[in-house]
């Protein structure tokens, strides 16, 4: 495929953070909105013979493909939470609600 696929997003969040008395753990909860813009089209070809000569004999030497990528709902409501342990380890998760379902989670180590 020639060119690149681009994915742009903008996110607004507001939340609250809680600490325990010894400040060894923190919890955060947030909510907000997210805008996604990835409207683009693409097309290209694949050399089938280079990948599998046996398959090329059946379907031909070249396969064409194309796509039209457009979000159905560009705006979405998001909510998330994180847990920080001893100021070094952070586990977080965030989910999209309503029209566009999405979920992400991760781990961060801060030195």
N, C-alpha and C. Protein backbone atom coordinates (compact mmCIF):
# COMPACT_ATOMS: atom_id res chain seq x y z
N UNK A 1 0.84 -1.17 0.00
CA UNK A 1 0.00 0.00 0.00
C UNK A 1 0.89 1.24 0.00
N UNK A 2 0.58 2.15 -0.85
CA UNK A 2 1.34 3.39 -0.91
C UNK A 2 0.69 4.42 0.00
N UNK A 3 1.49 5.28 0.58
CA UNK A 3 0.96 6.29 1.47
C UNK A 3 0.78 5.74 2.88
N UNK A 4 0.22 6.53 3.74
CA UNK A 4 0.03 6.15 5.12
C UNK A 4 -1.43 6.32 5.51
N UNK A 5 -1.85 5.57 6.49
CA UNK A 5 -3.17 5.76 7.09
C UNK A 5 -2.96 6.61 8.34
N UNK A 6 -3.75 7.66 8.47
CA UNK A 6 -3.62 8.56 9.61
C UNK A 6 -4.81 8.41 10.54
N UNK A 7 -4.55 8.53 11.82
CA UNK A 7 -5.58 8.43 12.85
C UNK A 7 -5.39 9.61 13.80
N UNK A 8 -6.34 10.53 13.82
CA UNK A 8 -6.26 11.70 14.68
C UNK A 8 -7.38 11.63 15.71
N UNK A 9 -7.04 11.98 16.94
CA UNK A 9 -8.09 12.05 17.95
C UNK A 9 -7.82 13.20 18.91
N UNK A 10 -8.87 13.67 19.52
CA UNK A 10 -8.81 14.75 20.49
C UNK A 10 -9.68 14.33 21.66
N UNK A 11 -9.15 14.47 22.87
CA UNK A 11 -9.86 13.98 24.04
C UNK A 11 -9.85 15.02 25.15
N UNK A 12 -11.01 15.25 25.74
CA UNK A 12 -11.16 16.14 26.89
C UNK A 12 -11.56 15.30 28.09
N UNK A 13 -10.85 15.45 29.22
CA UNK A 13 -11.15 14.65 30.40
C UNK A 13 -11.12 15.52 31.65
N UNK A 14 -11.94 15.16 32.63
CA UNK A 14 -11.92 15.79 33.95
C UNK A 14 -12.18 14.69 34.97
N UNK A 15 -11.51 14.79 36.11
CA UNK A 15 -11.68 13.73 37.09
C UNK A 15 -11.26 14.13 38.48
N UNK A 16 -11.14 13.12 39.32
CA UNK A 16 -10.78 13.32 40.71
C UNK A 16 -9.75 12.27 41.10
N UNK A 17 -8.86 12.64 42.03
CA UNK A 17 -7.81 11.72 42.47
C UNK A 17 -7.87 11.57 43.99
N UNK A 18 -7.72 10.33 44.48
CA UNK A 18 -7.75 10.02 45.90
C UNK A 18 -6.41 9.43 46.33
N UNK A 19 -5.95 9.79 47.54
CA UNK A 19 -4.70 9.27 48.11
C UNK A 19 -5.02 8.53 49.39
N UNK A 20 -4.18 7.54 49.73
CA UNK A 20 -4.30 6.96 51.06
C UNK A 20 -3.43 7.77 52.02
N UNK A 21 -3.54 7.53 53.32
CA UNK A 21 -2.85 8.36 54.31
C UNK A 21 -1.34 8.31 54.18
N UNK A 22 -0.78 7.18 53.83
CA UNK A 22 0.68 7.08 53.70
C UNK A 22 1.18 7.49 52.32
N UNK A 23 0.28 7.89 51.43
CA UNK A 23 0.61 8.34 50.08
C UNK A 23 1.36 7.27 49.27
N UNK A 24 1.08 6.01 49.54
CA UNK A 24 1.69 4.93 48.77
C UNK A 24 0.78 4.46 47.64
N UNK A 25 -0.47 4.87 47.67
CA UNK A 25 -1.40 4.49 46.62
C UNK A 25 -2.25 5.70 46.23
N UNK A 26 -2.58 5.76 44.94
CA UNK A 26 -3.48 6.80 44.43
C UNK A 26 -4.50 6.14 43.52
N UNK A 27 -5.70 6.64 43.58
CA UNK A 27 -6.77 6.19 42.69
C UNK A 27 -7.31 7.41 41.96
N UNK A 28 -7.56 7.27 40.68
CA UNK A 28 -8.11 8.37 39.89
C UNK A 28 -9.28 7.86 39.07
N UNK A 29 -10.30 8.68 38.96
CA UNK A 29 -11.47 8.37 38.14
C UNK A 29 -11.74 9.59 37.28
N UNK A 30 -12.09 9.38 36.01
CA UNK A 30 -12.34 10.51 35.11
C UNK A 30 -13.42 10.17 34.10
N UNK A 31 -13.92 11.20 33.50
CA UNK A 31 -14.89 11.09 32.43
C UNK A 31 -14.61 12.19 31.43
N UNK A 32 -15.15 12.05 30.25
CA UNK A 32 -14.91 13.07 29.24
C UNK A 32 -15.49 12.69 27.90
N UNK A 33 -14.93 13.28 26.87
CA UNK A 33 -15.37 13.00 25.51
C UNK A 33 -14.15 12.83 24.61
N UNK A 34 -14.39 12.17 23.48
CA UNK A 34 -13.30 11.88 22.55
C UNK A 34 -13.81 12.06 21.12
N UNK A 35 -13.01 12.74 20.30
CA UNK A 35 -13.32 12.93 18.89
C UNK A 35 -12.30 12.18 18.05
N UNK A 36 -12.77 11.42 17.08
CA UNK A 36 -11.90 10.64 16.19
C UNK A 36 -12.11 11.10 14.76
N UNK A 37 -10.99 11.33 14.05
CA UNK A 37 -11.06 11.68 12.63
C UNK A 37 -10.08 10.81 11.88
N UNK A 38 -10.59 9.84 11.15
CA UNK A 38 -9.73 8.99 10.34
C UNK A 38 -10.36 8.73 8.97
N UNK A 39 -11.01 9.72 8.40
CA UNK A 39 -11.64 9.56 7.10
C UNK A 39 -10.58 9.51 6.01
N UNK A 40 -10.49 8.38 5.35
CA UNK A 40 -9.53 8.23 4.27
C UNK A 40 -9.86 7.01 3.42
N UNK A 41 -9.36 7.03 2.20
CA UNK A 41 -9.52 5.89 1.31
C UNK A 41 -8.13 5.43 0.87
N UNK A 42 -8.04 4.17 0.54
CA UNK A 42 -6.76 3.62 0.10
C UNK A 42 -7.02 2.49 -0.89
N UNK A 43 -6.01 2.18 -1.70
CA UNK A 43 -6.08 1.05 -2.63
C UNK A 43 -4.66 0.69 -3.04
N UNK A 44 -4.47 -0.56 -3.36
CA UNK A 44 -3.16 -1.04 -3.79
C UNK A 44 -3.30 -2.45 -4.35
N UNK A 45 -2.17 -3.06 -4.65
CA UNK A 45 -2.15 -4.43 -5.14
C UNK A 45 -1.11 -5.24 -4.36
N UNK A 46 -1.30 -6.56 -4.38
CA UNK A 46 -0.38 -7.48 -3.73
C UNK A 46 0.08 -8.50 -4.76
N UNK A 47 1.38 -8.77 -4.80
CA UNK A 47 1.93 -9.78 -5.70
C UNK A 47 1.76 -11.15 -5.05
N UNK A 48 0.74 -11.88 -5.48
CA UNK A 48 0.42 -13.18 -4.88
C UNK A 48 1.51 -14.21 -5.16
N UNK A 49 2.09 -14.16 -6.34
CA UNK A 49 3.13 -15.14 -6.70
C UNK A 49 4.33 -15.04 -5.76
N UNK A 50 4.64 -13.84 -5.31
CA UNK A 50 5.74 -13.64 -4.38
C UNK A 50 5.44 -14.27 -3.01
N UNK A 51 4.17 -14.29 -2.62
CA UNK A 51 3.78 -14.85 -1.32
C UNK A 51 3.61 -16.36 -1.41
N UNK A 52 2.86 -16.81 -2.42
CA UNK A 52 2.60 -18.25 -2.57
C UNK A 52 2.35 -18.59 -4.04
N UNK A 53 3.34 -19.20 -4.70
CA UNK A 53 3.15 -19.55 -6.11
C UNK A 53 1.98 -20.51 -6.34
N UNK A 54 1.70 -21.37 -5.37
CA UNK A 54 0.59 -22.32 -5.52
C UNK A 54 -0.75 -21.59 -5.57
N UNK A 55 -0.93 -20.61 -4.70
CA UNK A 55 -2.18 -19.84 -4.68
C UNK A 55 -2.26 -18.97 -5.94
N UNK A 56 -1.14 -18.45 -6.41
CA UNK A 56 -1.13 -17.62 -7.61
C UNK A 56 -1.63 -18.38 -8.83
N UNK A 57 -1.37 -19.68 -8.89
CA UNK A 57 -1.87 -20.49 -10.00
C UNK A 57 -3.40 -20.58 -9.99
N UNK A 58 -4.00 -20.46 -8.81
CA UNK A 58 -5.45 -20.59 -8.68
C UNK A 58 -6.15 -19.24 -8.90
N UNK A 59 -5.66 -18.19 -8.25
CA UNK A 59 -6.39 -16.91 -8.30
C UNK A 59 -5.70 -15.84 -9.14
N UNK A 60 -4.51 -16.10 -9.63
CA UNK A 60 -3.80 -15.12 -10.44
C UNK A 60 -2.61 -14.54 -9.69
N UNK A 61 -1.78 -13.80 -10.41
CA UNK A 61 -0.54 -13.29 -9.84
C UNK A 61 -0.71 -12.03 -8.99
N UNK A 62 -1.76 -11.27 -9.23
CA UNK A 62 -1.93 -9.99 -8.54
C UNK A 62 -3.34 -9.92 -7.95
N UNK A 63 -3.42 -9.43 -6.72
CA UNK A 63 -4.72 -9.17 -6.08
C UNK A 63 -4.81 -7.69 -5.75
N UNK A 64 -5.94 -7.10 -6.06
CA UNK A 64 -6.18 -5.68 -5.75
C UNK A 64 -7.06 -5.58 -4.51
N UNK A 65 -6.85 -4.53 -3.74
CA UNK A 65 -7.71 -4.28 -2.59
C UNK A 65 -7.89 -2.77 -2.42
N UNK A 66 -8.95 -2.41 -1.74
CA UNK A 66 -9.21 -1.00 -1.45
C UNK A 66 -10.06 -0.91 -0.19
N UNK A 67 -10.08 0.27 0.38
CA UNK A 67 -10.87 0.48 1.59
C UNK A 67 -11.29 1.93 1.73
N UNK A 68 -12.37 2.13 2.44
CA UNK A 68 -12.87 3.45 2.74
C UNK A 68 -13.13 3.49 4.24
N UNK A 69 -12.26 4.16 4.98
CA UNK A 69 -12.31 4.17 6.44
C UNK A 69 -12.97 5.47 6.89
N UNK A 70 -14.09 5.35 7.57
CA UNK A 70 -14.82 6.51 8.08
C UNK A 70 -15.49 6.13 9.39
N UNK A 71 -15.31 6.93 10.45
CA UNK A 71 -16.01 6.61 11.70
C UNK A 71 -17.51 6.84 11.55
N UNK A 72 -18.30 5.93 12.09
CA UNK A 72 -19.75 6.10 12.06
C UNK A 72 -20.16 7.19 13.04
N UNK A 73 -19.55 7.20 14.21
CA UNK A 73 -19.82 8.20 15.24
C UNK A 73 -18.49 8.83 15.65
N UNK A 74 -18.15 10.02 15.18
CA UNK A 74 -16.85 10.61 15.51
C UNK A 74 -16.72 11.02 16.98
N UNK A 75 -17.83 11.41 17.64
CA UNK A 75 -17.77 11.80 19.06
C UNK A 75 -18.21 10.65 19.94
N UNK A 76 -17.60 10.54 21.12
CA UNK A 76 -17.94 9.47 22.04
C UNK A 76 -17.72 9.94 23.47
N UNK A 77 -18.45 9.33 24.40
CA UNK A 77 -18.28 9.57 25.84
C UNK A 77 -17.32 8.52 26.37
N UNK A 78 -16.34 8.93 27.20
CA UNK A 78 -15.38 8.00 27.76
C UNK A 78 -15.36 8.11 29.29
N UNK A 79 -14.98 7.02 29.94
CA UNK A 79 -14.81 6.98 31.39
C UNK A 79 -13.62 6.08 31.69
N UNK A 80 -12.88 6.40 32.74
CA UNK A 80 -11.71 5.59 33.05
C UNK A 80 -11.31 5.69 34.51
N UNK A 81 -10.34 4.86 34.86
CA UNK A 81 -9.81 4.82 36.22
C UNK A 81 -8.37 4.37 36.18
N UNK A 82 -7.61 4.76 37.21
CA UNK A 82 -6.23 4.29 37.32
C UNK A 82 -5.89 4.06 38.79
N UNK A 83 -4.91 3.21 39.00
CA UNK A 83 -4.42 2.89 40.33
C UNK A 83 -2.90 3.00 40.28
N UNK A 84 -2.33 3.88 41.12
CA UNK A 84 -0.89 4.08 41.19
C UNK A 84 -0.40 3.52 42.52
N UNK A 85 0.62 2.67 42.45
CA UNK A 85 1.16 2.00 43.64
C UNK A 85 2.59 2.46 43.86
N UNK A 86 2.88 3.03 45.00
CA UNK A 86 4.22 3.47 45.41
C UNK A 86 4.86 4.44 44.41
N UNK A 87 4.05 5.25 43.77
CA UNK A 87 4.51 6.29 42.83
C UNK A 87 5.32 5.77 41.65
N UNK A 88 5.39 4.48 41.43
CA UNK A 88 6.15 3.92 40.31
C UNK A 88 5.29 3.11 39.35
N UNK A 89 4.33 2.39 39.85
CA UNK A 89 3.53 1.47 39.03
C UNK A 89 2.12 2.04 38.87
N UNK A 90 1.68 2.12 37.63
CA UNK A 90 0.34 2.64 37.35
C UNK A 90 -0.38 1.71 36.39
N UNK A 91 -1.56 1.31 36.79
CA UNK A 91 -2.44 0.49 35.95
C UNK A 91 -3.66 1.33 35.64
N UNK A 92 -4.05 1.36 34.38
CA UNK A 92 -5.21 2.18 34.01
C UNK A 92 -6.09 1.44 33.01
N UNK A 93 -7.34 1.84 32.96
CA UNK A 93 -8.26 1.35 31.94
C UNK A 93 -9.22 2.48 31.60
N UNK A 94 -9.67 2.46 30.35
CA UNK A 94 -10.58 3.49 29.86
C UNK A 94 -11.51 2.85 28.85
N UNK A 95 -12.75 3.24 28.90
CA UNK A 95 -13.72 2.67 27.97
C UNK A 95 -14.58 3.73 27.33
N UNK A 96 -15.00 3.45 26.12
CA UNK A 96 -15.92 4.32 25.39
C UNK A 96 -17.34 3.80 25.55
N UNK A 97 -18.26 4.69 25.74
CA UNK A 97 -19.65 4.33 26.00
C UNK A 97 -20.54 4.77 24.85
N UNK A 98 -21.73 4.27 24.81
CA UNK A 98 -22.79 4.65 23.88
C UNK A 98 -22.48 4.24 22.45
N UNK A 99 -22.39 5.19 21.49
CA UNK A 99 -22.35 4.83 20.07
C UNK A 99 -21.12 4.01 19.68
N UNK A 100 -19.95 4.42 20.08
CA UNK A 100 -18.72 3.73 19.68
C UNK A 100 -18.14 3.02 20.89
N UNK A 101 -18.15 1.72 20.86
CA UNK A 101 -17.60 0.92 21.97
C UNK A 101 -16.09 0.81 21.79
N UNK A 102 -15.36 1.11 22.85
CA UNK A 102 -13.91 0.98 22.80
C UNK A 102 -13.42 0.69 24.21
N UNK A 103 -12.25 0.07 24.31
CA UNK A 103 -11.67 -0.24 25.61
C UNK A 103 -10.15 -0.24 25.46
N UNK A 104 -9.47 0.36 26.41
CA UNK A 104 -8.02 0.30 26.42
C UNK A 104 -7.56 0.15 27.86
N UNK A 105 -6.45 -0.53 28.02
CA UNK A 105 -5.86 -0.66 29.35
C UNK A 105 -4.36 -0.72 29.20
N UNK A 106 -3.65 -0.40 30.28
CA UNK A 106 -2.20 -0.39 30.19
C UNK A 106 -1.53 -0.34 31.53
N UNK A 107 -0.23 -0.43 31.47
CA UNK A 107 0.63 -0.38 32.65
C UNK A 107 1.78 0.59 32.36
N UNK A 108 2.09 1.44 33.34
CA UNK A 108 3.19 2.40 33.19
C UNK A 108 4.11 2.26 34.38
N UNK A 109 5.40 2.24 34.12
CA UNK A 109 6.41 2.28 35.19
C UNK A 109 7.12 3.62 35.12
N UNK A 110 7.10 4.35 36.23
CA UNK A 110 7.77 5.66 36.28
C UNK A 110 8.93 5.57 37.27
N UNK A 111 10.08 5.98 36.85
CA UNK A 111 11.26 5.91 37.71
C UNK A 111 11.39 7.14 38.53
